[in-house]
Amino acid sequence: MQLPPALDRVLREYEQGWSKGDVNALAALFTRDGFALQNRKPPARGADAIKVAYAGPGGPLKLRALAYATGDTVGYIIGAYTYNDPRAPDIGKFVLALRKGPGGRWLIAADMDNAIK
């Protein structure tokens, strides 16, 4: 599924931040009070907690949108992800709840992911 450029930017910047292990870049994709809701982990809220939650080795990540919708100031992307080879089977799924930030830039209000297995 092809996303509008403003939404696709969110996924591509997320992939880049994750691949580099750049927790600052990842946290910058979120609203100030955003949530990271990771599989088998407690909720992380706010930039500092998101940086801690995403600290780790990083690595190749490929995000694929399955559905999306947007309104004036809120939206979502539902998708799946895999690591390394983008042709490999999906290993997890995600929902990004989005909110427009300053300048009309889409930011992540909540990122919920879970593994398929």
PDB file of N, CA and C in Angstrom:
ATOM      1  N   MET A   1       0.848  -1.172   0.000  1.00  0.00           N
ATOM      2  CA  MET A   1       0.000   0.000   0.000  1.00  0.00           C
ATOM      3  C   MET A   1       0.895   1.239   0.000  1.00  0.00           C
ATOM      4  N   GLN A   2       0.571   2.169  -0.838  1.00  0.00           N
ATOM      5  CA  GLN A   2       1.333   3.409  -0.890  1.00  0.00           C
ATOM      6  C   GLN A   2       0.666   4.449  -0.002  1.00  0.00           C
ATOM      7  N   LEU A   3       1.471   5.042   0.875  1.00  0.00           N
ATOM      8  CA  LEU A   3       0.981   6.082   1.780  1.00  0.00           C
ATOM      9  C   LEU A   3       1.189   7.458   1.175  1.00  0.00           C
ATOM     10  N   PRO A   4       0.402   8.443   1.596  1.00  0.00           N
ATOM     11  CA  PRO A   4       0.709   9.822   1.232  1.00  0.00           C
ATOM     12  C   PRO A   4       2.111  10.171   1.757  1.00  0.00           C
ATOM     13  N   PRO A   5       2.838  11.038   1.068  1.00  0.00           N
ATOM     14  CA  PRO A   5       4.216  11.351   1.465  1.00  0.00           C
ATOM     15  C   PRO A   5       4.388  11.748   2.936  1.00  0.00           C
ATOM     16  N   ALA A   6       3.463  12.509   3.481  1.00  0.00           N
ATOM     17  CA  ALA A   6       3.605  12.957   4.873  1.00  0.00           C
ATOM     18  C   ALA A   6       3.540  11.785   5.854  1.00  0.00           C
ATOM     19  N   LEU A   7       2.765  10.758   5.533  1.00  0.00           N
ATOM     20  CA  LEU A   7       2.694   9.572   6.393  1.00  0.00           C
ATOM     21  C   LEU A   7       3.861   8.625   6.115  1.00  0.00           C
ATOM     22  N   ASP A   8       4.224   8.489   4.862  1.00  0.00           N
ATOM     23  CA  ASP A   8       5.357   7.640   4.507  1.00  0.00           C
ATOM     24  C   ASP A   8       6.630   8.139   5.184  1.00  0.00           C
ATOM     25  N   ARG A   9       6.771   9.454   5.316  1.00  0.00           N
ATOM     26  CA  ARG A   9       7.934  10.034   5.994  1.00  0.00           C
ATOM     27  C   ARG A   9       8.069   9.480   7.399  1.00  0.00           C
ATOM     28  N   VAL A  10       6.947   9.345   8.113  1.00  0.00           N
ATOM     29  CA  VAL A  10       6.983   8.827   9.482  1.00  0.00           C
ATOM     30  C   VAL A  10       7.592   7.423   9.485  1.00  0.00           C
ATOM     31  N   LEU A  11       7.147   6.562   8.585  1.00  0.00           N
ATOM     32  CA  LEU A  11       7.671   5.193   8.546  1.00  0.00           C
ATOM     33  C   LEU A  11       9.138   5.152   8.147  1.00  0.00           C
ATOM     34  N   ARG A  12       9.517   5.923   7.128  1.00  0.00           N
ATOM     35  CA  ARG A  12      10.908   5.895   6.669  1.00  0.00           C
ATOM     36  C   ARG A  12      11.855   6.461   7.733  1.00  0.00           C
ATOM     37  N   GLU A  13      11.452   7.532   8.426  1.00  0.00           N
ATOM     38  CA  GLU A  13      12.304   8.088   9.481  1.00  0.00           C
ATOM     39  C   GLU A  13      12.381   7.139  10.673  1.00  0.00           C
ATOM     40  N   TYR A  14      11.314   6.429  10.951  1.00  0.00           N
ATOM     41  CA  TYR A  14      11.323   5.420  12.016  1.00  0.00           C
ATOM     42  C   TYR A  14      12.319   4.315  11.655  1.00  0.00           C
ATOM     43  N   GLU A  15      12.244   3.823  10.419  1.00  0.00           N
ATOM     44  CA  GLU A  15      13.187   2.794   9.969  1.00  0.00           C
ATOM     45  C   GLU A  15      14.631   3.263  10.112  1.00  0.00           C
ATOM     46  N   GLN A  16      14.889   4.495   9.684  1.00  0.00           N
ATOM     47  CA  GLN A  16      16.254   5.028   9.750  1.00  0.00           C
ATOM     48  C   GLN A  16      16.744   5.137  11.186  1.00  0.00           C
ATOM     49  N   GLY A  17      15.906   5.689  12.060  1.00  0.00           N
ATOM     50  CA  GLY A  17      16.287   5.821  13.463  1.00  0.00           C
ATOM     51  C   GLY A  17      16.539   4.468  14.099  1.00  0.00           C
ATOM     52  N   TRP A  18      15.657   3.509  13.827  1.00  0.00           N
ATOM     53  CA  TRP A  18      15.806   2.164  14.393  1.00  0.00           C
ATOM     54  C   TRP A  18      17.080   1.501  13.871  1.00  0.00           C
ATOM     55  N   SER A  19      17.303   1.585  12.564  1.00  0.00           N
ATOM     56  CA  SER A  19      18.467   0.941  11.957  1.00  0.00           C
ATOM     57  C   SER A  19      19.775   1.467  12.528  1.00  0.00           C
ATOM     58  N   LYS A  20      19.806   2.745  12.848  1.00  0.00           N
ATOM     59  CA  LYS A  20      21.013   3.365  13.401  1.00  0.00           C
ATOM     60  C   LYS A  20      21.088   3.247  14.919  1.00  0.00           C
ATOM     61  N   GLY A  21      20.033   2.765  15.551  1.00  0.00           N
ATOM     62  CA  GLY A  21      19.997   2.737  17.008  1.00  0.00           C
ATOM     63  C   GLY A  21      19.966   4.139  17.592  1.00  0.00           C
ATOM     64  N   ASP A  22      19.374   5.085  16.859  1.00  0.00           N
ATOM     65  CA  ASP A  22      19.350   6.498  17.249  1.00  0.00           C
ATOM     66  C   ASP A  22      18.082   6.807  18.043  1.00  0.00           C
ATOM     67  N   VAL A  23      18.179   6.658  19.364  1.00  0.00           N
ATOM     68  CA  VAL A  23      17.001   6.861  20.211  1.00  0.00           C
ATOM     69  C   VAL A  23      16.524   8.309  20.192  1.00  0.00           C
ATOM     70  N   ASN A  24      17.425   9.260  19.971  1.00  0.00           N
ATOM     71  CA  ASN A  24      17.008  10.664  19.897  1.00  0.00           C
ATOM     72  C   ASN A  24      16.149  10.907  18.659  1.00  0.00           C
ATOM     73  N   ALA A  25      16.556  10.336  17.534  1.00  0.00           N
ATOM     74  CA  ALA A  25      15.771  10.484  16.302  1.00  0.00           C
ATOM     75  C   ALA A  25      14.415   9.809  16.448  1.00  0.00           C
ATOM     76  N   LEU A  26      14.381   8.638  17.071  1.00  0.00           N
ATOM     77  CA  LEU A  26      13.106   7.945  17.277  1.00  0.00           C
ATOM     78  C   LEU A  26      12.192   8.751  18.184  1.00  0.00           C
ATOM     79  N   ALA A  27      12.710   9.237  19.302  1.00  0.00           N
ATOM     80  CA  ALA A  27      11.892  10.010  20.242  1.00  0.00           C
ATOM     81  C   ALA A  27      11.364  11.286  19.594  1.00  0.00           C
ATOM     82  N   ALA A  28      12.119  11.867  18.661  1.00  0.00           N
ATOM     83  CA  ALA A  28      11.694  13.096  17.986  1.00  0.00           C
ATOM     84  C   ALA A  28      10.499  12.865  17.063  1.00  0.00           C
ATOM     85  N   LEU A  29      10.202  11.614  16.739  1.00  0.00           N
ATOM     86  CA  LEU A  29       9.045  11.304  15.900  1.00  0.00           C
ATOM     87  C   LEU A  29       7.741  11.315  16.687  1.00  0.00           C
ATOM     88  N   PHE A  30       7.837  11.372  18.014  1.00  0.00           N
ATOM     89  CA  PHE A  30       6.673  11.280  18.895  1.00  0.00           C
ATOM     90  C   PHE A  30       6.208  12.650  19.374  1.00  0.00           C
ATOM     91  N   THR A  31       4.934  12.718  19.749  1.00  0.00           N
ATOM     92  CA  THR A  31       4.430  13.897  20.445  1.00  0.00           C
ATOM     93  C   THR A  31       5.115  13.959  21.809  1.00  0.00           C
ATOM     94  N   ARG A  32       5.050  15.103  22.440  1.00  0.00           N
ATOM     95  CA  ARG A  32       5.696  15.290  23.742  1.00  0.00           C
ATOM     96  C   ARG A  32       5.218  14.256  24.767  1.00  0.00           C
ATOM     97  N   ASP A  33       3.946  13.912  24.706  1.00  0.00           N
ATOM     98  CA  ASP A  33       3.372  12.960  25.664  1.00  0.00           C
ATOM     99  C   ASP A  33       3.101  11.599  25.022  1.00  0.00           C
ATOM    100  N   GLY A  34       3.843  11.280  23.958  1.00  0.00           N
ATOM    101  CA  GLY A  34       3.618  10.047  23.215  1.00  0.00           C
ATOM    102  C   GLY A  34       3.931   8.788  24.007  1.00  0.00           C
ATOM    103  N   PHE A  35       3.359   7.679  23.541  1.00  0.00           N
ATOM    104  CA  PHE A  35       3.523   6.370  24.175  1.00  0.00           C
ATOM    105  C   PHE A  35       4.236   5.402  23.233  1.00  0.00           C
ATOM    106  N   ALA A  36       5.135   4.597  23.780  1.00  0.00           N
ATOM    107  CA  ALA A  36       5.668   3.420  23.105  1.00  0.00           C
ATOM    108  C   ALA A  36       5.110   2.222  23.860  1.00  0.00           C
ATOM    109  N   LEU A  37       4.324   1.412  23.175  1.00  0.00           N
ATOM    110  CA  LEU A  37       3.653   0.263  23.793  1.00  0.00           C
ATOM    111  C   LEU A  37       4.208  -0.999  23.146  1.00  0.00           C
ATOM    112  N   GLN A  38       5.341  -1.433  23.668  1.00  0.00           N
ATOM    113  CA  GLN A  38       6.055  -2.560  23.081  1.00  0.00           C
ATOM    114  C   GLN A  38       5.558  -3.896  23.611  1.00  0.00           C
ATOM    115  N   ASN A  39       5.773  -4.907  22.803  1.00  0.00           N
ATOM    116  CA  ASN A  39       5.401  -6.274  23.138  1.00  0.00           C
ATOM    117  C   ASN A  39       6.075  -6.713  24.440  1.00  0.00           C
ATOM    118  N   ARG A  40       5.294  -7.198  25.389  1.00  0.00           N
ATOM    119  CA  ARG A  40       5.783  -7.735  26.658  1.00  0.00           C
ATOM    120  C   ARG A  40       6.597  -6.739  27.482  1.00  0.00           C
ATOM    121  N   LYS A  41       6.324  -5.451  27.345  1.00  0.00           N
ATOM    122  CA  LYS A  41       7.013  -4.426  28.133  1.00  0.00           C
ATOM    123  C   LYS A  41       5.988  -3.432  28.662  1.00  0.00           C
ATOM    124  N   PRO A  42       6.294  -2.756  29.784  1.00  0.00           N
ATOM    125  CA  PRO A  42       5.362  -1.750  30.294  1.00  0.00           C
ATOM    126  C   PRO A  42       5.314  -0.533  29.365  1.00  0.00           C
ATOM    127  N   PRO A  43       4.239   0.253  29.428  1.00  0.00           N
ATOM    128  CA  PRO A  43       4.149   1.461  28.604  1.00  0.00           C
ATOM    129  C   PRO A  43       5.281   2.440  28.916  1.00  0.00           C
ATOM    130  N   ALA A  44       5.775   3.090  27.883  1.00  0.00           N
ATOM    131  CA  ALA A  44       6.768   4.156  28.026  1.00  0.00           C
ATOM    132  C   ALA A  44       6.108   5.434  27.532  1.00  0.00           C
ATOM    133  N   ARG A  45       6.098   6.476  28.374  1.00  0.00           N
ATOM    134  CA  ARG A  45       5.436   7.729  27.995  1.00  0.00           C
ATOM    135  C   ARG A  45       6.408   8.893  28.096  1.00  0.00           C
ATOM    136  N   GLY A  46       6.473   9.688  27.034  1.00  0.00           N
ATOM    137  CA  GLY A  46       7.349  10.848  26.988  1.00  0.00           C
ATOM    138  C   GLY A  46       8.713  10.501  26.408  1.00  0.00           C
ATOM    139  N   ALA A  47       9.426  11.536  25.966  1.00  0.00           N
ATOM    140  CA  ALA A  47      10.688  11.350  25.245  1.00  0.00           C
ATOM    141  C   ALA A  47      11.718  10.563  26.040  1.00  0.00           C
ATOM    142  N   ASP A  48      11.901  10.887  27.310  1.00  0.00           N
ATOM    143  CA  ASP A  48      12.925  10.192  28.097  1.00  0.00           C
ATOM    144  C   ASP A  48      12.618   8.707  28.219  1.00  0.00           C
ATOM    145  N   ALA A  49      11.377   8.368  28.508  1.00  0.00           N
ATOM    146  CA  ALA A  49      10.994   6.957  28.644  1.00  0.00           C
ATOM    147  C   ALA A  49      11.075   6.235  27.301  1.00  0.00           C
ATOM    148  N   ILE A  50      10.729   6.925  26.222  1.00  0.00           N
ATOM    149  CA  ILE A  50      10.807   6.317  24.888  1.00  0.00           C
ATOM    150  C   ILE A  50      12.262   6.035  24.525  1.00  0.00           C
ATOM    151  N   LYS A  51      13.159   6.939  24.866  1.00  0.00           N
ATOM    152  CA  LYS A  51      14.584   6.705  24.604  1.00  0.00           C
ATOM    153  C   LYS A  51      15.076   5.464  25.338  1.00  0.00           C
ATOM    154  N   VAL A  52      14.669   5.305  26.584  1.00  0.00           N
ATOM    155  CA  VAL A  52      15.063   4.117  27.356  1.00  0.00           C
ATOM    156  C   VAL A  52      14.455   2.861  26.727  1.00  0.00           C
ATOM    157  N   ALA A  53      13.183   2.938  26.359  1.00  0.00           N
ATOM    158  CA  ALA A  53      12.500   1.775  25.784  1.00  0.00           C
ATOM    159  C   ALA A  53      13.138   1.335  24.472  1.00  0.00           C
ATOM    160  N   TYR A  54      13.615   2.283  23.682  1.00  0.00           N
ATOM    161  CA  TYR A  54      14.173   1.957  22.375  1.00  0.00           C
ATOM    162  C   TYR A  54      15.688   1.798  22.383  1.00  0.00           C
ATOM    163  N   ALA A  55      16.316   1.922  23.548  1.00  0.00           N
ATOM    164  CA  ALA A  55      17.768   1.736  23.628  1.00  0.00           C
ATOM    165  C   ALA A  55      18.092   0.287  23.293  1.00  0.00           C
ATOM    166  N   GLY A  56      19.086   0.098  22.473  1.00  0.00           N
ATOM    167  CA  GLY A  56      19.467  -1.253  22.081  1.00  0.00           C
ATOM    168  C   GLY A  56      20.270  -1.222  20.804  1.00  0.00           C
ATOM    169  N   PRO A  57      20.482  -2.373  20.242  1.00  0.00           N
ATOM    170  CA  PRO A  57      21.381  -2.464  19.101  1.00  0.00           C
ATOM    171  C   PRO A  57      20.832  -1.910  17.793  1.00  0.00           C
ATOM    172  N   GLY A  58      19.539  -1.748  17.649  1.00  0.00           N
ATOM    173  CA  GLY A  58      18.985  -1.318  16.363  1.00  0.00           C
ATOM    174  C   GLY A  58      19.111  -2.436  15.349  1.00  0.00           C
ATOM    175  N   GLY A  59      19.204  -2.076  14.097  1.00  0.00           N
ATOM    176  CA  GLY A  59      19.339  -3.071  13.036  1.00  0.00           C
ATOM    177  C   GLY A  59      18.345  -2.803  11.931  1.00  0.00           C
ATOM    178  N   PRO A  60      18.520  -3.472  10.805  1.00  0.00           N
ATOM    179  CA  PRO A  60      17.641  -3.246   9.661  1.00  0.00           C
ATOM    180  C   PRO A  60      16.174  -3.523  10.010  1.00  0.00           C
ATOM    181  N   LEU A  61      15.326  -2.598   9.674  1.00  0.00           N
ATOM    182  CA  LEU A  61      13.894  -2.709   9.944  1.00  0.00           C
ATOM    183  C   LEU A  61      13.145  -2.276   8.698  1.00  0.00           C
ATOM    184  N   LYS A  62      12.118  -3.022   8.344  1.00  0.00           N
ATOM    185  CA  LYS A  62      11.274  -2.655   7.207  1.00  0.00           C
ATOM    186  C   LYS A  62       9.830  -2.608   7.674  1.00  0.00           C
ATOM    187  N   LEU A  63       9.213  -1.426   7.586  1.00  0.00           N
ATOM    188  CA  LEU A  63       7.818  -1.218   7.961  1.00  0.00           C
ATOM    189  C   LEU A  63       6.964  -1.195   6.699  1.00  0.00           C
ATOM    190  N   ARG A  64       5.822  -1.843   6.777  1.00  0.00           N
ATOM    191  CA  ARG A  64       4.922  -1.937   5.626  1.00  0.00           C
ATOM    192  C   ARG A  64       3.519  -1.570   6.080  1.00  0.00           C
ATOM    193  N   ALA A  65       2.932  -0.586   5.418  1.00  0.00           N
ATOM    194  CA  ALA A  65       1.574  -0.157   5.764  1.00  0.00           C
ATOM    195  C   ALA A  65       0.548  -1.133   5.196  1.00  0.00           C
ATOM    196  N   LEU A  66      -0.461  -1.427   6.014  1.00  0.00           N
ATOM    197  CA  LEU A  66      -1.591  -2.247   5.585  1.00  0.00           C
ATOM    198  C   LEU A  66      -2.847  -1.404   5.398  1.00  0.00           C
ATOM    199  N   ALA A  67      -2.965  -0.349   6.203  1.00  0.00           N
ATOM    200  CA  ALA A  67      -4.122   0.551   6.140  1.00  0.00           C
ATOM    201  C   ALA A  67      -3.744   1.858   6.814  1.00  0.00           C
ATOM    202  N   TYR A  68      -4.496   2.904   6.492  1.00  0.00           N
ATOM    203  CA  TYR A  68      -4.288   4.196   7.140  1.00  0.00           C
ATOM    204  C   TYR A  68      -5.540   5.036   6.991  1.00  0.00           C
ATOM    205  N   ALA A  69      -5.613   6.056   7.811  1.00  0.00           N
ATOM    206  CA  ALA A  69      -6.668   7.067   7.692  1.00  0.00           C
ATOM    207  C   ALA A  69      -6.162   8.323   8.380  1.00  0.00           C
ATOM    208  N   THR A  70      -6.645   9.460   7.906  1.00  0.00           N
ATOM    209  CA  THR A  70      -6.311  10.733   8.545  1.00  0.00           C
ATOM    210  C   THR A  70      -7.540  11.626   8.575  1.00  0.00           C
ATOM    211  N   GLY A  71      -7.574  12.468   9.587  1.00  0.00           N
ATOM    212  CA  GLY A  71      -8.557  13.530   9.696  1.00  0.00           C
ATOM    213  C   GLY A  71      -7.794  14.838   9.735  1.00  0.00           C
ATOM    214  N   ASP A  72      -8.413  15.865  10.264  1.00  0.00           N
ATOM    215  CA  ASP A  72      -7.738  17.159  10.326  1.00  0.00           C
ATOM    216  C   ASP A  72      -6.480  17.116  11.180  1.00  0.00           C
ATOM    217  N   THR A  73      -6.575  16.531  12.372  1.00  0.00           N
ATOM    218  CA  THR A  73      -5.440  16.566  13.296  1.00  0.00           C
ATOM    219  C   THR A  73      -5.035  15.205  13.839  1.00  0.00           C
ATOM    220  N   VAL A  74      -5.770  14.149  13.509  1.00  0.00           N
ATOM    221  CA  VAL A  74      -5.416  12.809  13.983  1.00  0.00           C
ATOM    222  C   VAL A  74      -5.469  11.811  12.832  1.00  0.00           C
ATOM    223  N   GLY A  75      -4.754  10.718  13.002  1.00  0.00           N
ATOM    224  CA  GLY A  75      -4.745   9.674  11.996  1.00  0.00           C
ATOM    225  C   GLY A  75      -4.131   8.412  12.561  1.00  0.00           C
ATOM    226  N   TYR A  76      -4.008   7.407  11.706  1.00  0.00           N
ATOM    227  CA  TYR A  76      -3.358   6.169  12.131  1.00  0.00           C
ATOM    228  C   TYR A  76      -2.753   5.468  10.928  1.00  0.00           C
ATOM    229  N   ILE A  77      -1.780   4.619  11.228  1.00  0.00           N
ATOM    230  CA  ILE A  77      -1.222   3.686  10.252  1.00  0.00           C
ATOM    231  C   ILE A  77      -1.225   2.317  10.918  1.00  0.00           C
ATOM    232  N   ILE A  78      -1.795   1.334  10.244  1.00  0.00           N
ATOM    233  CA  ILE A  78      -1.730  -0.056  10.680  1.00  0.00           C
ATOM    234  C   ILE A  78      -0.754  -0.743   9.743  1.00  0.00           C
ATOM    235  N   GLY A  79       0.158  -1.529  10.307  1.00  0.00           N
ATOM    236  CA  GLY A  79       1.141  -2.150   9.441  1.00  0.00           C
ATOM    237  C   GLY A  79       1.768  -3.398  10.013  1.00  0.00           C
ATOM    238  N   ALA A  80       2.773  -3.868   9.289  1.00  0.00           N
ATOM    239  CA  ALA A  80       3.534  -5.047   9.675  1.00  0.00           C
ATOM    240  C   ALA A  80       5.009  -4.722   9.491  1.00  0.00           C
ATOM    241  N   TYR A  81       5.851  -5.523  10.153  1.00  0.00           N
ATOM    242  CA  TYR A  81       7.283  -5.265  10.046  1.00  0.00           C
ATOM    243  C   TYR A  81       8.072  -6.566   9.967  1.00  0.00           C
ATOM    244  N   THR A  82       9.280  -6.405   9.447  1.00  0.00           N
ATOM    245  CA  THR A  82      10.249  -7.488   9.405  1.00  0.00           C
ATOM    246  C   THR A  82      11.624  -6.868   9.558  1.00  0.00           C
ATOM    247  N   TYR A  83      12.616  -7.706   9.766  1.00  0.00           N
ATOM    248  CA  TYR A  83      14.004  -7.251   9.863  1.00  0.00           C
ATOM    249  C   TYR A  83      14.784  -7.802   8.686  1.00  0.00           C
ATOM    250  N   ASN A  84      15.900  -7.146   8.395  1.00  0.00           N
ATOM    251  CA  ASN A  84      16.825  -7.573   7.348  1.00  0.00           C
ATOM    252  C   ASN A  84      16.197  -7.527   5.968  1.00  0.00           C
ATOM    253  N   ASP A  85      15.784  -8.642   5.430  1.00  0.00           N
ATOM    254  CA  ASP A  85      15.279  -8.737   4.065  1.00  0.00           C
ATOM    255  C   ASP A  85      13.809  -8.319   4.009  1.00  0.00           C
ATOM    256  N   PRO A  86      13.483  -7.223   3.290  1.00  0.00           N
ATOM    257  CA  PRO A  86      12.087  -6.784   3.226  1.00  0.00           C
ATOM    258  C   PRO A  86      11.158  -7.798   2.551  1.00  0.00           C
ATOM    259  N   ARG A  87      11.721  -8.793   1.869  1.00  0.00           N
ATOM    260  CA  ARG A  87      10.899  -9.835   1.242  1.00  0.00           C
ATOM    261  C   ARG A  87      10.605 -10.980   2.208  1.00  0.00           C
ATOM    262  N   ALA A  88      11.249 -10.955   3.378  1.00  0.00           N
ATOM    263  CA  ALA A  88      11.033 -12.009   4.378  1.00  0.00           C
ATOM    264  C   ALA A  88       9.624 -11.884   4.953  1.00  0.00           C
ATOM    265  N   PRO A  89       9.108 -12.972   5.506  1.00  0.00           N
ATOM    266  CA  PRO A  89       7.774 -12.906   6.120  1.00  0.00           C
ATOM    267  C   PRO A  89       7.744 -11.897   7.268  1.00  0.00           C
ATOM    268  N   ASP A  90       6.589 -11.296   7.471  1.00  0.00           N
ATOM    269  CA  ASP A  90       6.423 -10.362   8.583  1.00  0.00           C
ATOM    270  C   ASP A  90       6.648 -11.097   9.897  1.00  0.00           C
ATOM    271  N   ILE A  91       7.304 -10.405  10.837  1.00  0.00           N
ATOM    272  CA  ILE A  91       7.513 -10.998  12.160  1.00  0.00           C
ATOM    273  C   ILE A  91       6.691 -10.286  13.227  1.00  0.00           C
ATOM    274  N   GLY A  92       6.063  -9.168  12.852  1.00  0.00           N
ATOM    275  CA  GLY A  92       5.251  -8.439  13.816  1.00  0.00           C
ATOM    276  C   GLY A  92       4.306  -7.480  13.127  1.00  0.00           C
ATOM    277  N   LYS A  93       3.462  -6.866  13.940  1.00  0.00           N
ATOM    278  CA  LYS A  93       2.491  -5.891  13.427  1.00  0.00           C
ATOM    279  C   LYS A  93       2.457  -4.698  14.365  1.00  0.00           C
ATOM    280  N   PHE A  94       1.953  -3.576  13.842  1.00  0.00           N
ATOM    281  CA  PHE A  94       1.959  -2.345  14.630  1.00  0.00           C
ATOM    282  C   PHE A  94       0.761  -1.476  14.292  1.00  0.00           C
ATOM    283  N   VAL A  95       0.457  -0.590  15.221  1.00  0.00           N
ATOM    284  CA  VAL A  95      -0.499   0.496  15.006  1.00  0.00           C
ATOM    285  C   VAL A  95       0.181   1.767  15.478  1.00  0.00           C
ATOM    286  N   LEU A  96       0.259   2.754  14.614  1.00  0.00           N
ATOM    287  CA  LEU A  96       0.733   4.081  14.987  1.00  0.00           C
ATOM    288  C   LEU A  96      -0.473   5.008  15.041  1.00  0.00           C
ATOM    289  N   ALA A  97      -0.756   5.544  16.214  1.00  0.00           N
ATOM    290  CA  ALA A  97      -1.761   6.599  16.351  1.00  0.00           C
ATOM    291  C   ALA A  97      -1.019   7.910  16.145  1.00  0.00           C
ATOM    292  N   LEU A  98      -1.510   8.741  15.252  1.00  0.00           N
ATOM    293  CA  LEU A  98      -0.806   9.962  14.857  1.00  0.00           C
ATOM    294  C   LEU A  98      -1.583  11.206  15.252  1.00  0.00           C
ATOM    295  N   ARG A  99      -0.830  12.264  15.494  1.00  0.00           N
ATOM    296  CA  ARG A  99      -1.421  13.572  15.768  1.00  0.00           C
ATOM    297  C   ARG A  99      -0.562  14.615  15.059  1.00  0.00           C
ATOM    298  N   LYS A 100      -1.206  15.608  14.484  1.00  0.00           N
ATOM    299  CA  LYS A 100      -0.450  16.675  13.823  1.00  0.00           C
ATOM    300  C   LYS A 100       0.209  17.553  14.865  1.00  0.00           C
ATOM    301  N   GLY A 101       1.481  17.806  14.638  1.00  0.00           N
ATOM    302  CA  GLY A 101       2.254  18.658  15.522  1.00  0.00           C
ATOM    303  C   GLY A 101       2.436  20.032  14.912  1.00  0.00           C
ATOM    304  N   PRO A 102       3.374  20.794  15.459  1.00  0.00           N
ATOM    305  CA  PRO A 102       3.662  22.129  14.931  1.00  0.00           C
ATOM    306  C   PRO A 102       4.019  22.070  13.446  1.00  0.00           C
ATOM    307  N   GLY A 103       3.502  23.012  12.709  1.00  0.00           N
ATOM    308  CA  GLY A 103       3.779  23.067  11.280  1.00  0.00           C
ATOM    309  C   GLY A 103       3.052  22.012  10.468  1.00  0.00           C
ATOM    310  N   GLY A 104       2.108  21.303  11.082  1.00  0.00           N
ATOM    311  CA  GLY A 104       1.338  20.300  10.362  1.00  0.00           C
ATOM    312  C   GLY A 104       2.055  18.979  10.152  1.00  0.00           C
ATOM    313  N   ARG A 105       3.175  18.775  10.822  1.00  0.00           N
ATOM    314  CA  ARG A 105       3.954  17.537  10.699  1.00  0.00           C
ATOM    315  C   ARG A 105       3.297  16.433  11.517  1.00  0.00           C
ATOM    316  N   TRP A 106       3.112  15.259  10.911  1.00  0.00           N
ATOM    317  CA  TRP A 106       2.532  14.129  11.630  1.00  0.00           C
ATOM    318  C   TRP A 106       3.529  13.577  12.626  1.00  0.00           C
ATOM    319  N   LEU A 107       3.075  13.403  13.872  1.00  0.00           N
ATOM    320  CA  LEU A 107       3.886  12.840  14.948  1.00  0.00           C
ATOM    321  C   LEU A 107       3.175  11.619  15.521  1.00  0.00           C
ATOM    322  N   ILE A 108       3.939  10.742  16.133  1.00  0.00           N
ATOM    323  CA  ILE A 108       3.382   9.526  16.720  1.00  0.00           C
ATOM    324  C   ILE A 108       2.885   9.835  18.128  1.00  0.00           C
ATOM    325  N   ALA A 109       1.598   9.629  18.361  1.00  0.00           N
ATOM    326  CA  ALA A 109       1.032   9.775  19.705  1.00  0.00           C
ATOM    327  C   ALA A 109       1.138   8.458  20.461  1.00  0.00           C
ATOM    328  N   ALA A 110       1.065   7.348  19.743  1.00  0.00           N
ATOM    329  CA  ALA A 110       1.232   6.028  20.350  1.00  0.00           C
ATOM    330  C   ALA A 110       1.715   5.046  19.292  1.00  0.00           C
ATOM    331  N   ASP A 111       2.664   4.232  19.687  1.00  0.00           N
ATOM    332  CA  ASP A 111       3.198   3.165  18.842  1.00  0.00           C
ATOM    333  C   ASP A 111       2.987   1.855  19.584  1.00  0.00           C
ATOM    334  N   MET A 112       2.084   1.031  19.076  1.00  0.00           N
ATOM    335  CA  MET A 112       1.833  -0.268  19.692  1.00  0.00           C
ATOM    336  C   MET A 112       2.272  -1.351  18.714  1.00  0.00           C
ATOM    337  N   ASP A 113       3.168  -2.224  19.175  1.00  0.00           N
ATOM    338  CA  ASP A 113       3.601  -3.312  18.310  1.00  0.00           C
ATOM    339  C   ASP A 113       3.558  -4.624  19.069  1.00  0.00           C
ATOM    340  N   ASN A 114       3.450  -5.704  18.317  1.00  0.00           N
ATOM    341  CA  ASN A 114       3.558  -7.029  18.917  1.00  0.00           C
ATOM    342  C   ASN A 114       4.041  -8.024  17.878  1.00  0.00           C
ATOM    343  N   ALA A 115       4.708  -9.040  18.389  1.00  0.00           N
ATOM    344  CA  ALA A 115       5.276 -10.071  17.532  1.00  0.00           C
ATOM    345  C   ALA A 115       4.182 -11.018  17.048  1.00  0.00           C
ATOM    346  N   ILE A 116       4.381 -11.567  15.875  1.00  0.00           N
ATOM    347  CA  ILE A 116       3.438 -12.540  15.342  1.00  0.00           C
ATOM    348  C   ILE A 116       3.617 -13.883  16.047  1.00  0.00           C
ATOM    349  N   LYS A 117       4.848 -14.229  16.373  1.00  0.00           N
ATOM    350  CA  LYS A 117       5.113 -15.499  17.080  1.00  0.00           C
ATOM    351  C   LYS A 117       5.597 -15.220  18.472  1.00  0.00           C
TER     352      LYS A 117
END
